[in-house]
Amino acid sequence: MPSPKQPPPSNDGTAAIDELFGETPGWADEIGAAQVAVGVAQAIYDLRERHGLTQKTLAERVGTTQSVIARLEDADYEGHSLRMLARIAAAVGEHVTIAFSGEAERTVA
């Protein structure tokens, strides 16, 4: 009797995560929240670098401290506020854009 067809192996980590956590309630929500935090931190870092600013210089423009900017650029920080993001954008002459999507992707970068 032929064996069932196996799906092709995945190299994006999703299969391994599904195997480890697939039956754990809420794991996908946790991954999604972590991806958002990482994305926001990376966006702040990229914005600052694009404008050639140090954390200290950006902090001075925003009216905060370098340690606050460092915390906002930390992928483990999940306390970003829209008000602070708007202040950061305004400090470099840009604006914040927010988008919602219909379904969260379950990818691991």
PDB file of N, CA and C in Angstrom:
ATOM      1  N   MET A   1       0.848  -1.178   0.000  1.00  0.00           N
ATOM      2  CA  MET A   1       0.000   0.000   0.000  1.00  0.00           C
ATOM      3  C   MET A   1       0.889   1.235   0.000  1.00  0.00           C
ATOM      4  N   PRO A   2       0.629   2.186  -0.897  1.00  0.00           N
ATOM      5  CA  PRO A   2       1.489   3.373  -0.944  1.00  0.00           C
ATOM      6  C   PRO A   2       1.305   4.237   0.292  1.00  0.00           C
ATOM      7  N   SER A   3       2.398   4.893   0.691  1.00  0.00           N
ATOM      8  CA  SER A   3       2.328   5.780   1.864  1.00  0.00           C
ATOM      9  C   SER A   3       1.662   7.088   1.466  1.00  0.00           C
ATOM     10  N   PRO A   4       1.025   7.764   2.434  1.00  0.00           N
ATOM     11  CA  PRO A   4       0.383   9.051   2.118  1.00  0.00           C
ATOM     12  C   PRO A   4       1.426  10.050   1.642  1.00  0.00           C
ATOM     13  N   LYS A   5       0.999  10.894   0.733  1.00  0.00           N
ATOM     14  CA  LYS A   5       1.904  11.914   0.205  1.00  0.00           C
ATOM     15  C   LYS A   5       2.228  12.918   1.301  1.00  0.00           C
ATOM     16  N   GLN A   6       3.500  13.169   1.498  1.00  0.00           N
ATOM     17  CA  GLN A   6       3.964  14.114   2.507  1.00  0.00           C
ATOM     18  C   GLN A   6       4.108  15.494   1.872  1.00  0.00           C
ATOM     19  N   PRO A   7       3.760  16.560   2.609  1.00  0.00           N
ATOM     20  CA  PRO A   7       3.969  17.907   2.065  1.00  0.00           C
ATOM     21  C   PRO A   7       5.459  18.174   1.925  1.00  0.00           C
ATOM     22  N   PRO A   8       5.824  19.056   1.008  1.00  0.00           N
ATOM     23  CA  PRO A   8       7.247  19.366   0.861  1.00  0.00           C
ATOM     24  C   PRO A   8       7.791  19.993   2.143  1.00  0.00           C
ATOM     25  N   PRO A   9       9.066  19.754   2.425  1.00  0.00           N
ATOM     26  CA  PRO A   9       9.637  20.349   3.640  1.00  0.00           C
ATOM     27  C   PRO A   9       9.637  21.869   3.539  1.00  0.00           C
ATOM     28  N   SER A  10       9.444  22.504   4.679  1.00  0.00           N
ATOM     29  CA  SER A  10       9.428  23.953   4.749  1.00  0.00           C
ATOM     30  C   SER A  10      10.744  24.433   5.337  1.00  0.00           C
ATOM     31  N   ASN A  11      11.256  25.521   4.819  1.00  0.00           N
ATOM     32  CA  ASN A  11      12.500  26.053   5.365  1.00  0.00           C
ATOM     33  C   ASN A  11      12.297  27.385   6.062  1.00  0.00           C
ATOM     34  N   ASP A  12      11.042  27.763   6.313  1.00  0.00           N
ATOM     35  CA  ASP A  12      10.791  29.053   6.959  1.00  0.00           C
ATOM     36  C   ASP A  12      10.549  28.934   8.455  1.00  0.00           C
ATOM     37  N   GLY A  13      10.658  27.756   9.006  1.00  0.00           N
ATOM     38  CA  GLY A  13      10.499  27.569  10.438  1.00  0.00           C
ATOM     39  C   GLY A  13       9.077  27.297  10.867  1.00  0.00           C
ATOM     40  N   THR A  14       8.104  27.514  10.001  1.00  0.00           N
ATOM     41  CA  THR A  14       6.705  27.340  10.377  1.00  0.00           C
ATOM     42  C   THR A  14       6.402  25.904  10.763  1.00  0.00           C
ATOM     43  N   ALA A  15       6.912  24.946   9.994  1.00  0.00           N
ATOM     44  CA  ALA A  15       6.636  23.534  10.301  1.00  0.00           C
ATOM     45  C   ALA A  15       7.200  23.152  11.660  1.00  0.00           C
ATOM     46  N   ALA A  16       8.394  23.610  11.962  1.00  0.00           N
ATOM     47  CA  ALA A  16       9.005  23.296  13.259  1.00  0.00           C
ATOM     48  C   ALA A  16       8.208  23.914  14.397  1.00  0.00           C
ATOM     49  N   ILE A  17       7.745  25.133  14.203  1.00  0.00           N
ATOM     50  CA  ILE A  17       6.943  25.799  15.239  1.00  0.00           C
ATOM     51  C   ILE A  17       5.621  25.069  15.416  1.00  0.00           C
ATOM     52  N   ASP A  18       4.991  24.701  14.296  1.00  0.00           N
ATOM     53  CA  ASP A  18       3.734  23.950  14.390  1.00  0.00           C
ATOM     54  C   ASP A  18       3.937  22.646  15.153  1.00  0.00           C
ATOM     55  N   GLU A  19       5.047  21.980  14.885  1.00  0.00           N
ATOM     56  CA  GLU A  19       5.327  20.714  15.563  1.00  0.00           C
ATOM     57  C   GLU A  19       5.524  20.912  17.060  1.00  0.00           C
ATOM     58  N   LEU A  20       6.202  21.985  17.429  1.00  0.00           N
ATOM     59  CA  LEU A  20       6.477  22.248  18.843  1.00  0.00           C
ATOM     60  C   LEU A  20       5.282  22.822  19.594  1.00  0.00           C
ATOM     61  N   PHE A  21       4.551  23.738  18.955  1.00  0.00           N
ATOM     62  CA  PHE A  21       3.532  24.499  19.672  1.00  0.00           C
ATOM     63  C   PHE A  21       2.129  24.400  19.079  1.00  0.00           C
ATOM     64  N   GLY A  22       1.961  23.633  18.025  1.00  0.00           N
ATOM     65  CA  GLY A  22       0.709  23.591  17.291  1.00  0.00           C
ATOM     66  C   GLY A  22      -0.533  23.378  18.127  1.00  0.00           C
ATOM     67  N   GLU A  23      -0.420  22.671  19.230  1.00  0.00           N
ATOM     68  CA  GLU A  23      -1.599  22.413  20.045  1.00  0.00           C
ATOM     69  C   GLU A  23      -1.642  23.265  21.310  1.00  0.00           C
ATOM     70  N   THR A  24      -0.716  24.170  21.450  1.00  0.00           N
ATOM     71  CA  THR A  24      -0.677  25.056  22.611  1.00  0.00           C
ATOM     72  C   THR A  24      -1.598  26.241  22.359  1.00  0.00           C
ATOM     73  N   PRO A  25      -2.631  26.409  23.187  1.00  0.00           N
ATOM     74  CA  PRO A  25      -3.566  27.517  22.964  1.00  0.00           C
ATOM     75  C   PRO A  25      -2.852  28.867  23.009  1.00  0.00           C
ATOM     76  N   GLY A  26      -3.158  29.709  22.040  1.00  0.00           N
ATOM     77  CA  GLY A  26      -2.645  31.070  22.035  1.00  0.00           C
ATOM     78  C   GLY A  26      -1.251  31.260  21.473  1.00  0.00           C
ATOM     79  N   TRP A  27      -0.582  30.177  21.060  1.00  0.00           N
ATOM     80  CA  TRP A  27       0.803  30.347  20.601  1.00  0.00           C
ATOM     81  C   TRP A  27       0.876  31.235  19.364  1.00  0.00           C
ATOM     82  N   ALA A  28      -0.070  31.097  18.453  1.00  0.00           N
ATOM     83  CA  ALA A  28      -0.034  31.904  17.232  1.00  0.00           C
ATOM     84  C   ALA A  28      -0.216  33.390  17.558  1.00  0.00           C
ATOM     85  N   ASP A  29      -1.060  33.690  18.545  1.00  0.00           N
ATOM     86  CA  ASP A  29      -1.242  35.085  18.956  1.00  0.00           C
ATOM     87  C   ASP A  29       0.045  35.652  19.540  1.00  0.00           C
ATOM     88  N   GLU A  30       0.744  34.840  20.313  1.00  0.00           N
ATOM     89  CA  GLU A  30       2.022  35.276  20.901  1.00  0.00           C
ATOM     90  C   GLU A  30       3.050  35.546  19.813  1.00  0.00           C
ATOM     91  N   ILE A  31       3.113  34.670  18.832  1.00  0.00           N
ATOM     92  CA  ILE A  31       4.044  34.862  17.709  1.00  0.00           C
ATOM     93  C   ILE A  31       3.673  36.140  16.962  1.00  0.00           C
ATOM     94  N   GLY A  32       2.395  36.344  16.724  1.00  0.00           N
ATOM     95  CA  GLY A  32       1.946  37.548  16.029  1.00  0.00           C
ATOM     96  C   GLY A  32       2.304  38.812  16.771  1.00  0.00           C
ATOM     97  N   ALA A  33       2.109  38.815  18.078  1.00  0.00           N
ATOM     98  CA  ALA A  33       2.446  39.989  18.891  1.00  0.00           C
ATOM     99  C   ALA A  33       3.950  40.256  18.854  1.00  0.00           C
ATOM    100  N   ALA A  34       4.726  39.191  18.908  1.00  0.00           N
ATOM    101  CA  ALA A  34       6.183  39.349  18.850  1.00  0.00           C
ATOM    102  C   ALA A  34       6.607  39.912  17.498  1.00  0.00           C
ATOM    103  N   GLN A  35       5.973  39.448  16.423  1.00  0.00           N
ATOM    104  CA  GLN A  35       6.307  39.964  15.100  1.00  0.00           C
ATOM    105  C   GLN A  35       5.975  41.448  14.980  1.00  0.00           C
ATOM    106  N   VAL A  36       4.877  41.869  15.574  1.00  0.00           N
ATOM    107  CA  VAL A  36       4.519  43.296  15.548  1.00  0.00           C
ATOM    108  C   VAL A  36       5.571  44.102  16.310  1.00  0.00           C
ATOM    109  N   ALA A  37       5.951  43.635  17.495  1.00  0.00           N
ATOM    110  CA  ALA A  37       6.949  44.349  18.296  1.00  0.00           C
ATOM    111  C   ALA A  37       8.275  44.455  17.545  1.00  0.00           C
ATOM    112  N   VAL A  38       8.690  43.375  16.915  1.00  0.00           N
ATOM    113  CA  VAL A  38       9.933  43.385  16.142  1.00  0.00           C
ATOM    114  C   VAL A  38       9.811  44.351  14.968  1.00  0.00           C
ATOM    115  N   GLY A  39       8.674  44.330  14.288  1.00  0.00           N
ATOM    116  CA  GLY A  39       8.471  45.219  13.141  1.00  0.00           C
ATOM    117  C   GLY A  39       8.506  46.687  13.519  1.00  0.00           C
ATOM    118  N   VAL A  40       7.886  47.040  14.636  1.00  0.00           N
ATOM    119  CA  VAL A  40       7.885  48.432  15.085  1.00  0.00           C
ATOM    120  C   VAL A  40       9.296  48.857  15.480  1.00  0.00           C
ATOM    121  N   ALA A  41       9.985  48.020  16.231  1.00  0.00           N
ATOM    122  CA  ALA A  41      11.357  48.340  16.636  1.00  0.00           C
ATOM    123  C   ALA A  41      12.254  48.535  15.414  1.00  0.00           C
ATOM    124  N   GLN A  42      12.115  47.645  14.434  1.00  0.00           N
ATOM    125  CA  GLN A  42      12.933  47.746  13.215  1.00  0.00           C
ATOM    126  C   GLN A  42      12.584  49.000  12.431  1.00  0.00           C
ATOM    127  N   ALA A  43      11.305  49.342  12.375  1.00  0.00           N
ATOM    128  CA  ALA A  43      10.882  50.544  11.644  1.00  0.00           C
ATOM    129  C   ALA A  43      11.472  51.807  12.273  1.00  0.00           C
ATOM    130  N   ILE A  44      11.499  51.864  13.598  1.00  0.00           N
ATOM    131  CA  ILE A  44      12.084  53.029  14.281  1.00  0.00           C
ATOM    132  C   ILE A  44      13.576  53.107  13.991  1.00  0.00           C
ATOM    133  N   TYR A  45      14.251  51.967  14.104  1.00  0.00           N
ATOM    134  CA  TYR A  45      15.694  51.920  13.808  1.00  0.00           C
ATOM    135  C   TYR A  45      15.954  52.360  12.365  1.00  0.00           C
ATOM    136  N   ASP A  46      15.207  51.797  11.414  1.00  0.00           N
ATOM    137  CA  ASP A  46      15.395  52.132  10.000  1.00  0.00           C
ATOM    138  C   ASP A  46      15.154  53.613   9.739  1.00  0.00           C
ATOM    139  N   LEU A  47      14.120  54.177  10.353  1.00  0.00           N
ATOM    140  CA  LEU A  47      13.826  55.603  10.207  1.00  0.00           C
ATOM    141  C   LEU A  47      14.999  56.447  10.698  1.00  0.00           C
ATOM    142  N   ARG A  48      15.480  56.106  11.880  1.00  0.00           N
ATOM    143  CA  ARG A  48      16.601  56.856  12.464  1.00  0.00           C
ATOM    144  C   ARG A  48      17.841  56.757  11.578  1.00  0.00           C
ATOM    145  N   GLU A  49      18.159  55.542  11.114  1.00  0.00           N
ATOM    146  CA  GLU A  49      19.333  55.347  10.258  1.00  0.00           C
ATOM    147  C   GLU A  49      19.177  56.072   8.919  1.00  0.00           C
ATOM    148  N   ARG A  50      17.977  56.029   8.355  1.00  0.00           N
ATOM    149  CA  ARG A  50      17.713  56.688   7.077  1.00  0.00           C
ATOM    150  C   ARG A  50      17.983  58.189   7.170  1.00  0.00           C
ATOM    151  N   HIS A  51      17.758  58.755   8.345  1.00  0.00           N
ATOM    152  CA  HIS A  51      17.988  60.185   8.547  1.00  0.00           C
ATOM    153  C   HIS A  51      19.370  60.479   9.119  1.00  0.00           C
ATOM    154  N   GLY A  52      20.191  59.440   9.262  1.00  0.00           N
ATOM    155  CA  GLY A  52      21.565  59.625   9.721  1.00  0.00           C
ATOM    156  C   GLY A  52      21.681  60.130  11.148  1.00  0.00           C
ATOM    157  N   LEU A  53      20.758  59.713  12.008  1.00  0.00           N
ATOM    158  CA  LEU A  53      20.740  60.193  13.389  1.00  0.00           C
ATOM    159  C   LEU A  53      21.217  59.126  14.360  1.00  0.00           C
ATOM    160  N   THR A  54      21.828  59.568  15.424  1.00  0.00           N
ATOM    161  CA  THR A  54      22.134  58.671  16.537  1.00  0.00           C
ATOM    162  C   THR A  54      20.887  58.586  17.412  1.00  0.00           C
ATOM    163  N   GLN A  55      20.873  57.632  18.313  1.00  0.00           N
ATOM    164  CA  GLN A  55      19.764  57.552  19.261  1.00  0.00           C
ATOM    165  C   GLN A  55      19.675  58.840  20.076  1.00  0.00           C
ATOM    166  N   LYS A  56      20.825  59.362  20.466  1.00  0.00           N
ATOM    167  CA  LYS A  56      20.844  60.585  21.286  1.00  0.00           C
ATOM    168  C   LYS A  56      20.279  61.782  20.520  1.00  0.00           C
ATOM    169  N   THR A  57      20.683  61.921  19.260  1.00  0.00           N
ATOM    170  CA  THR A  57      20.203  63.047  18.462  1.00  0.00           C
ATOM    171  C   THR A  57      18.697  62.951  18.216  1.00  0.00           C
ATOM    172  N   LEU A  58      18.221  61.743  17.904  1.00  0.00           N
ATOM    173  CA  LEU A  58      16.783  61.571  17.714  1.00  0.00           C
ATOM    174  C   LEU A  58      16.042  61.876  19.008  1.00  0.00           C
ATOM    175  N   ALA A  59      16.576  61.401  20.118  1.00  0.00           N
ATOM    176  CA  ALA A  59      15.946  61.651  21.418  1.00  0.00           C
ATOM    177  C   ALA A  59      15.823  63.154  21.684  1.00  0.00           C
ATOM    178  N   GLU A  60      16.876  63.907  21.380  1.00  0.00           N
ATOM    179  CA  GLU A  60      16.839  65.352  21.584  1.00  0.00           C
ATOM    180  C   GLU A  60      15.751  65.998  20.724  1.00  0.00           C
ATOM    181  N   ARG A  61      15.627  65.541  19.489  1.00  0.00           N
ATOM    182  CA  ARG A  61      14.592  66.093  18.600  1.00  0.00           C
ATOM    183  C   ARG A  61      13.191  65.749  19.093  1.00  0.00           C
ATOM    184  N   VAL A  62      13.042  64.563  19.677  1.00  0.00           N
ATOM    185  CA  VAL A  62      11.730  64.102  20.145  1.00  0.00           C
ATOM    186  C   VAL A  62      11.386  64.705  21.500  1.00  0.00           C
ATOM    187  N   GLY A  63      12.425  65.095  22.260  1.00  0.00           N
ATOM    188  CA  GLY A  63      12.202  65.611  23.606  1.00  0.00           C
ATOM    189  C   GLY A  63      12.169  64.514  24.650  1.00  0.00           C
ATOM    190  N   THR A  64      13.015  63.524  24.450  1.00  0.00           N
ATOM    191  CA  THR A  64      13.102  62.410  25.392  1.00  0.00           C
ATOM    192  C   THR A  64      14.574  62.078  25.602  1.00  0.00           C
ATOM    193  N   THR A  65      14.840  60.906  26.140  1.00  0.00           N
ATOM    194  CA  THR A  65      16.224  60.514  26.403  1.00  0.00           C
ATOM    195  C   THR A  65      16.666  59.408  25.451  1.00  0.00           C
ATOM    196  N   GLN A  66      17.972  59.252  25.342  1.00  0.00           N
ATOM    197  CA  GLN A  66      18.535  58.200  24.487  1.00  0.00           C
ATOM    198  C   GLN A  66      18.070  56.839  24.943  1.00  0.00           C
ATOM    199  N   SER A  67      17.922  56.630  26.246  1.00  0.00           N
ATOM    200  CA  SER A  67      17.510  55.315  26.741  1.00  0.00           C
ATOM    201  C   SER A  67      16.089  54.962  26.307  1.00  0.00           C
ATOM    202  N   VAL A  68      15.234  55.973  26.155  1.00  0.00           N
ATOM    203  CA  VAL A  68      13.876  55.716  25.661  1.00  0.00           C
ATOM    204  C   VAL A  68      13.932  55.254  24.210  1.00  0.00           C
ATOM    205  N   ILE A  69      14.745  55.916  23.396  1.00  0.00           N
ATOM    206  CA  ILE A  69      14.880  55.507  21.997  1.00  0.00           C
ATOM    207  C   ILE A  69      15.451  54.096  21.921  1.00  0.00           C
ATOM    208  N   ALA A  70      16.455  53.812  22.743  1.00  0.00           N
ATOM    209  CA  ALA A  70      17.031  52.459  22.757  1.00  0.00           C
ATOM    210  C   ALA A  70      15.967  51.423  23.114  1.00  0.00           C
ATOM    211  N   ARG A  71      15.140  51.717  24.076  1.00  0.00           N
ATOM    212  CA  ARG A  71      14.072  50.791  24.477  1.00  0.00           C
ATOM    213  C   ARG A  71      13.074  50.597  23.342  1.00  0.00           C
ATOM    214  N   LEU A  72      12.722  51.676  22.645  1.00  0.00           N
ATOM    215  CA  LEU A  72      11.779  51.585  21.535  1.00  0.00           C
ATOM    216  C   LEU A  72      12.344  50.768  20.376  1.00  0.00           C
ATOM    217  N   GLU A  73      13.654  50.755  20.231  1.00  0.00           N
ATOM    218  CA  GLU A  73      14.303  49.985  19.171  1.00  0.00           C
ATOM    219  C   GLU A  73      14.599  48.543  19.604  1.00  0.00           C
ATOM    220  N   ASP A  74      14.252  48.186  20.813  1.00  0.00           N
ATOM    221  CA  ASP A  74      14.467  46.834  21.321  1.00  0.00           C
ATOM    222  C   ASP A  74      13.302  45.947  20.890  1.00  0.00           C
ATOM    223  N   ALA A  75      13.596  44.857  20.202  1.00  0.00           N
ATOM    224  CA  ALA A  75      12.557  43.954  19.689  1.00  0.00           C
ATOM    225  C   ALA A  75      11.732  43.325  20.804  1.00  0.00           C
ATOM    226  N   ASP A  76      12.240  43.290  22.019  1.00  0.00           N
ATOM    227  CA  ASP A  76      11.497  42.697  23.132  1.00  0.00           C
ATOM    228  C   ASP A  76      10.532  43.680  23.796  1.00  0.00           C
ATOM    229  N   TYR A  77      10.616  44.958  23.424  1.00  0.00           N
ATOM    230  CA  TYR A  77       9.751  45.967  24.025  1.00  0.00           C
ATOM    231  C   TYR A  77       8.397  45.965  23.327  1.00  0.00           C
ATOM    232  N   GLU A  78       7.328  45.920  24.095  1.00  0.00           N
ATOM    233  CA  GLU A  78       5.994  45.865  23.509  1.00  0.00           C
ATOM    234  C   GLU A  78       5.114  47.042  23.949  1.00  0.00           C
ATOM    235  N   GLY A  79       5.724  48.103  24.485  1.00  0.00           N
ATOM    236  CA  GLY A  79       4.938  49.217  24.991  1.00  0.00           C
ATOM    237  C   GLY A  79       4.904  50.435  24.087  1.00  0.00           C
ATOM    238  N   HIS A  80       5.030  50.237  22.777  1.00  0.00           N
ATOM    239  CA  HIS A  80       5.010  51.378  21.863  1.00  0.00           C
ATOM    240  C   HIS A  80       3.654  52.072  21.909  1.00  0.00           C
ATOM    241  N   SER A  81       3.693  53.386  21.903  1.00  0.00           N
ATOM    242  CA  SER A  81       2.439  54.146  21.858  1.00  0.00           C
ATOM    243  C   SER A  81       2.371  54.906  20.539  1.00  0.00           C
ATOM    244  N   LEU A  82       1.177  55.069  20.048  1.00  0.00           N
ATOM    245  CA  LEU A  82       0.983  55.805  18.808  1.00  0.00           C
ATOM    246  C   LEU A  82       1.461  57.242  18.965  1.00  0.00           C
ATOM    247  N   ARG A  83       1.239  57.801  20.134  1.00  0.00           N
ATOM    248  CA  ARG A  83       1.674  59.184  20.378  1.00  0.00           C
ATOM    249  C   ARG A  83       3.204  59.312  20.243  1.00  0.00           C
ATOM    250  N   MET A  84       3.944  58.366  20.810  1.00  0.00           N
ATOM    251  CA  MET A  84       5.410  58.421  20.710  1.00  0.00           C
ATOM    252  C   MET A  84       5.865  58.175  19.280  1.00  0.00           C
ATOM    253  N   LEU A  85       5.225  57.253  18.589  1.00  0.00           N
ATOM    254  CA  LEU A  85       5.588  57.008  17.189  1.00  0.00           C
ATOM    255  C   LEU A  85       5.356  58.264  16.352  1.00  0.00           C
ATOM    256  N   ALA A  86       4.267  58.964  16.612  1.00  0.00           N
ATOM    257  CA  ALA A  86       3.978  60.213  15.888  1.00  0.00           C
ATOM    258  C   ALA A  86       5.022  61.278  16.216  1.00  0.00           C
ATOM    259  N   ARG A  87       5.451  61.362  17.466  1.00  0.00           N
ATOM    260  CA  ARG A  87       6.493  62.332  17.850  1.00  0.00           C
ATOM    261  C   ARG A  87       7.801  62.027  17.125  1.00  0.00           C
ATOM    262  N   ILE A  88       8.143  60.742  17.038  1.00  0.00           N
ATOM    263  CA  ILE A  88       9.382  60.340  16.359  1.00  0.00           C
ATOM    264  C   ILE A  88       9.290  60.699  14.878  1.00  0.00           C
ATOM    265  N   ALA A  89       8.165  60.369  14.259  1.00  0.00           N
ATOM    266  CA  ALA A  89       7.996  60.686  12.836  1.00  0.00           C
ATOM    267  C   ALA A  89       8.080  62.187  12.594  1.00  0.00           C
ATOM    268  N   ALA A  90       7.396  62.969  13.412  1.00  0.00           N
ATOM    269  CA  ALA A  90       7.401  64.429  13.257  1.00  0.00           C
ATOM    270  C   ALA A  90       8.802  65.005  13.429  1.00  0.00           C
ATOM    271  N   ALA A  91       9.598  64.396  14.285  1.00  0.00           N
ATOM    272  CA  ALA A  91      10.951  64.884  14.547  1.00  0.00           C
ATOM    273  C   ALA A  91      11.849  64.788  13.321  1.00  0.00           C
ATOM    274  N   VAL A  92      11.474  63.943  12.364  1.00  0.00           N
ATOM    275  CA  VAL A  92      12.275  63.805  11.142  1.00  0.00           C
ATOM    276  C   VAL A  92      11.467  64.203   9.904  1.00  0.00           C
ATOM    277  N   GLY A  93      10.325  64.853  10.115  1.00  0.00           N
ATOM    278  CA  GLY A  93       9.523  65.338   9.002  1.00  0.00           C
ATOM    279  C   GLY A  93       8.752  64.256   8.264  1.00  0.00           C
ATOM    280  N   GLU A  94       8.419  63.194   8.940  1.00  0.00           N
ATOM    281  CA  GLU A  94       7.634  62.123   8.330  1.00  0.00           C
ATOM    282  C   GLU A  94       6.350  61.931   9.119  1.00  0.00           C
ATOM    283  N   HIS A  95       5.544  60.955   8.723  1.00  0.00           N
ATOM    284  CA  HIS A  95       4.319  60.658   9.433  1.00  0.00           C
ATOM    285  C   HIS A  95       4.171  59.151   9.610  1.00  0.00           C
ATOM    286  N   VAL A  96       3.302  58.769  10.497  1.00  0.00           N
ATOM    287  CA  VAL A  96       3.048  57.360  10.794  1.00  0.00           C
ATOM    288  C   VAL A  96       1.903  56.881   9.923  1.00  0.00           C
ATOM    289  N   THR A  97       2.052  55.690   9.367  1.00  0.00           N
ATOM    290  CA  THR A  97       0.986  55.049   8.616  1.00  0.00           C
ATOM    291  C   THR A  97       0.679  53.722   9.287  1.00  0.00           C
ATOM    292  N   ILE A  98      -0.599  53.463   9.504  1.00  0.00           N
ATOM    293  CA  ILE A  98      -1.013  52.212  10.143  1.00  0.00           C
ATOM    294  C   ILE A  98      -1.879  51.439   9.158  1.00  0.00           C
ATOM    295  N   ALA A  99      -1.664  50.148   9.085  1.00  0.00           N
ATOM    296  CA  ALA A  99      -2.468  49.312   8.191  1.00  0.00           C
ATOM    297  C   ALA A  99      -2.942  48.081   8.944  1.00  0.00           C
ATOM    298  N   PHE A 100      -4.120  47.645   8.597  1.00  0.00           N
ATOM    299  CA  PHE A 100      -4.668  46.409   9.152  1.00  0.00           C
ATOM    300  C   PHE A 100      -4.737  45.404   8.007  1.00  0.00           C
ATOM    301  N   SER A 101      -4.500  44.146   8.334  1.00  0.00           N
ATOM    302  CA  SER A 101      -4.609  43.118   7.304  1.00  0.00           C
ATOM    303  C   SER A 101      -5.636  42.085   7.753  1.00  0.00           C
ATOM    304  N   GLY A 102      -6.208  41.396   6.790  1.00  0.00           N
ATOM    305  CA  GLY A 102      -7.284  40.454   7.081  1.00  0.00           C
ATOM    306  C   GLY A 102      -6.847  39.232   7.856  1.00  0.00           C
ATOM    307  N   GLU A 103      -5.668  38.734   7.600  1.00  0.00           N
ATOM    308  CA  GLU A 103      -5.214  37.533   8.285  1.00  0.00           C
ATOM    309  C   GLU A 103      -3.739  37.657   8.583  1.00  0.00           C
ATOM    310  N   ALA A 104      -3.373  37.346   9.818  1.00  0.00           N
ATOM    311  CA  ALA A 104      -1.978  37.417  10.213  1.00  0.00           C
ATOM    312  C   ALA A 104      -1.198  36.293   9.541  1.00  0.00           C
ATOM    313  N   GLU A 105      -0.009  36.621   9.086  1.00  0.00           N
ATOM    314  CA  GLU A 105       0.870  35.602   8.531  1.00  0.00           C
ATOM    315  C   GLU A 105       1.578  34.921   9.663  1.00  0.00           C
ATOM    316  N   ARG A 106       1.804  33.633   9.527  1.00  0.00           N
ATOM    317  CA  ARG A 106       2.539  32.883  10.535  1.00  0.00           C
ATOM    318  C   ARG A 106       3.891  32.539   9.957  1.00  0.00           C
ATOM    319  N   THR A 107       4.744  33.542   9.859  1.00  0.00           N
ATOM    320  CA  THR A 107       6.088  33.301   9.361  1.00  0.00           C
ATOM    321  C   THR A 107       7.078  33.729  10.413  1.00  0.00           C
ATOM    322  N   VAL A 108       8.199  33.104  10.385  1.00  0.00           N
ATOM    323  CA  VAL A 108       9.270  33.448  11.311  1.00  0.00           C
ATOM    324  C   VAL A 108      10.446  33.910  10.487  1.00  0.00           C
ATOM    325  N   ALA A 109      10.924  35.092  10.770  1.00  0.00           N
ATOM    326  CA  ALA A 109      12.047  35.630  10.005  1.00  0.00           C
ATOM    327  C   ALA A 109      13.350  35.261  10.670  1.00  0.00           C
TER     328      ALA A 109
END
